[in-house]
Amino acid sequence: MANIKSAKKRILVNRTKAARNQAIKSKVKTMIKKVDAAVAAGDKELAKTNLVIAVSEIEKARSKGVFHRNTAARKVSRLAKATNSIA
């Protein structure tokens, strides 16, 4: 355990930020699963509406520094490609 006051504060701040990042990542994963489920079911309209929501969540996570910009772009690209593949 840390003895220095600033180190103790750093531990608390890191815990708070880790919890926030974990919640954001979890939300993004949930949205991605919703898009994938709609694609698997072949429901193009549902997939498109879920895609818009998922892209919004991914971009929010990117802007908050949870995801690197290339990671966010890759996730969006894969979701869009999957949604567009529905005949």
C-alpha atoms as a PDB file:
ATOM      1  CA  MET A   1       0.000   0.000   0.000  1.00  0.00           C
ATOM      2  CA  ALA A   2       1.166   3.498  -0.812  1.00  0.00           C
ATOM      3  CA  ASN A   3       2.376   5.758   1.991  1.00  0.00           C
ATOM      4  CA  ILE A   4       2.635   9.038   0.115  1.00  0.00           C
ATOM      5  CA  LYS A   5      -0.517  11.151  -0.065  1.00  0.00           C
ATOM      6  CA  SER A   6      -0.247  11.766  -3.811  1.00  0.00           C
ATOM      7  CA  ALA A   7       0.233   8.043  -4.446  1.00  0.00           C
ATOM      8  CA  LYS A   8      -2.895   7.260  -2.433  1.00  0.00           C
ATOM      9  CA  LYS A   9      -4.852   9.799  -4.449  1.00  0.00           C
ATOM     10  CA  ARG A  10      -3.472   8.353  -7.691  1.00  0.00           C
ATOM     11  CA  ILE A  11      -4.750   4.891  -6.678  1.00  0.00           C
ATOM     12  CA  LEU A  12      -8.242   6.277  -6.073  1.00  0.00           C
ATOM     13  CA  VAL A  13      -8.242   8.248  -9.336  1.00  0.00           C
ATOM     14  CA  ASN A  14      -7.044   5.213 -11.289  1.00  0.00           C
ATOM     15  CA  ARG A  15      -9.823   3.064  -9.795  1.00  0.00           C
ATOM     16  CA  THR A  16     -12.430   5.654 -10.753  1.00  0.00           C
ATOM     17  CA  LYS A  17     -11.141   5.993 -14.304  1.00  0.00           C
ATOM     18  CA  ALA A  18     -10.842   2.211 -14.733  1.00  0.00           C
ATOM     19  CA  ALA A  19     -14.477   1.768 -13.659  1.00  0.00           C
ATOM     20  CA  ARG A  20     -15.590   4.492 -16.095  1.00  0.00           C
ATOM     21  CA  ASN A  21     -13.586   2.981 -18.957  1.00  0.00           C
ATOM     22  CA  GLN A  22     -14.944  -0.484 -18.181  1.00  0.00           C
ATOM     23  CA  ALA A  23     -18.536   0.795 -18.278  1.00  0.00           C
ATOM     24  CA  ILE A  24     -17.956   2.546 -21.602  1.00  0.00           C
ATOM     25  CA  LYS A  25     -16.300  -0.533 -23.150  1.00  0.00           C
ATOM     26  CA  SER A  26     -19.152  -2.720 -21.923  1.00  0.00           C
ATOM     27  CA  LYS A  27     -21.731  -0.406 -23.498  1.00  0.00           C
ATOM     28  CA  VAL A  28     -19.856  -0.457 -26.815  1.00  0.00           C
ATOM     29  CA  LYS A  29     -19.662  -4.266 -26.750  1.00  0.00           C
ATOM     30  CA  THR A  30     -23.411  -4.477 -26.088  1.00  0.00           C
ATOM     31  CA  MET A  31     -24.186  -2.206 -29.043  1.00  0.00           C
ATOM     32  CA  ILE A  32     -21.887  -4.232 -31.311  1.00  0.00           C
ATOM     33  CA  LYS A  33     -23.649  -7.434 -30.232  1.00  0.00           C
ATOM     34  CA  LYS A  34     -27.023  -5.873 -31.073  1.00  0.00           C
ATOM     35  CA  VAL A  35     -25.842  -5.022 -34.595  1.00  0.00           C
ATOM     36  CA  ASP A  36     -24.364  -8.495 -35.063  1.00  0.00           C
ATOM     37  CA  ALA A  37     -27.585 -10.128 -33.866  1.00  0.00           C
ATOM     38  CA  ALA A  38     -29.650  -8.071 -36.324  1.00  0.00           C
ATOM     39  CA  VAL A  39     -27.244  -8.976 -39.144  1.00  0.00           C
ATOM     40  CA  ALA A  40     -27.438 -12.671 -38.217  1.00  0.00           C
ATOM     41  CA  ALA A  41     -31.241 -12.457 -38.227  1.00  0.00           C
ATOM     42  CA  GLY A  42     -31.158 -10.718 -41.612  1.00  0.00           C
ATOM     43  CA  ASP A  43     -33.136  -7.705 -40.381  1.00  0.00           C
ATOM     44  CA  LYS A  44     -31.638  -4.845 -42.381  1.00  0.00           C
ATOM     45  CA  GLU A  45     -33.717  -2.036 -40.848  1.00  0.00           C
ATOM     46  CA  LEU A  46     -32.938  -3.084 -37.279  1.00  0.00           C
ATOM     47  CA  ALA A  47     -29.274  -3.500 -38.198  1.00  0.00           C
ATOM     48  CA  LYS A  48     -29.150   0.017 -39.649  1.00  0.00           C
ATOM     49  CA  THR A  49     -30.789   1.630 -36.624  1.00  0.00           C
ATOM     50  CA  ASN A  50     -28.521  -0.298 -34.252  1.00  0.00           C
ATOM     51  CA  LEU A  51     -25.516   0.624 -36.414  1.00  0.00           C
ATOM     52  CA  VAL A  52     -26.216   4.339 -35.941  1.00  0.00           C
ATOM     53  CA  ILE A  53     -26.420   3.880 -32.170  1.00  0.00           C
ATOM     54  CA  ALA A  54     -23.290   1.696 -32.077  1.00  0.00           C
ATOM     55  CA  VAL A  55     -21.257   4.173 -34.155  1.00  0.00           C
ATOM     56  CA  SER A  56     -22.339   6.958 -31.817  1.00  0.00           C
ATOM     57  CA  GLU A  57     -21.196   4.996 -28.753  1.00  0.00           C
ATOM     58  CA  ILE A  58     -17.890   4.055 -30.389  1.00  0.00           C
ATOM     59  CA  GLU A  59     -17.198   7.684 -31.289  1.00  0.00           C
ATOM     60  CA  LYS A  60     -18.024   8.788 -27.743  1.00  0.00           C
ATOM     61  CA  ALA A  61     -15.578   6.205 -26.401  1.00  0.00           C
ATOM     62  CA  ARG A  62     -12.941   7.410 -28.877  1.00  0.00           C
ATOM     63  CA  SER A  63     -13.407  11.039 -27.891  1.00  0.00           C
ATOM     64  CA  LYS A  64     -13.026  10.136 -24.203  1.00  0.00           C
ATOM     65  CA  GLY A  65      -9.793   8.276 -24.891  1.00  0.00           C
ATOM     66  CA  VAL A  66     -11.123   4.809 -24.169  1.00  0.00           C
ATOM     67  CA  PHE A  67     -10.347   3.640 -27.721  1.00  0.00           C
ATOM     68  CA  HIS A  68      -7.571   4.700 -30.066  1.00  0.00           C
ATOM     69  CA  ARG A  69      -8.894   6.409 -33.185  1.00  0.00           C
ATOM     70  CA  ASN A  70      -7.777   3.556 -35.446  1.00  0.00           C
ATOM     71  CA  THR A  71      -9.459   0.982 -33.209  1.00  0.00           C
ATOM     72  CA  ALA A  72     -12.695   2.971 -33.323  1.00  0.00           C
ATOM     73  CA  ALA A  73     -12.446   3.302 -37.111  1.00  0.00           C
ATOM     74  CA  ARG A  74     -11.848  -0.440 -37.472  1.00  0.00           C
ATOM     75  CA  LYS A  75     -14.870  -1.308 -35.321  1.00  0.00           C
ATOM     76  CA  VAL A  76     -17.117   1.094 -37.248  1.00  0.00           C
ATOM     77  CA  SER A  77     -15.840  -0.229 -40.567  1.00  0.00           C
ATOM     78  CA  ARG A  78     -16.502  -3.845 -39.657  1.00  0.00           C
ATOM     79  CA  LEU A  79     -20.005  -3.080 -38.423  1.00  0.00           C
ATOM     80  CA  ALA A  80     -20.829  -1.070 -41.549  1.00  0.00           C
ATOM     81  CA  LYS A  81     -19.471  -3.823 -43.780  1.00  0.00           C
ATOM     82  CA  ALA A  82     -21.549  -6.458 -41.970  1.00  0.00           C
ATOM     83  CA  THR A  83     -24.696  -4.310 -42.177  1.00  0.00           C
ATOM     84  CA  ASN A  84     -24.199  -3.614 -45.884  1.00  0.00           C
ATOM     85  CA  SER A  85     -23.673  -7.328 -46.594  1.00  0.00           C
ATOM     86  CA  ILE A  86     -27.334  -8.102 -45.864  1.00  0.00           C
ATOM     87  CA  ALA A  87     -29.037  -8.783 -49.184  1.00  0.00           C
END
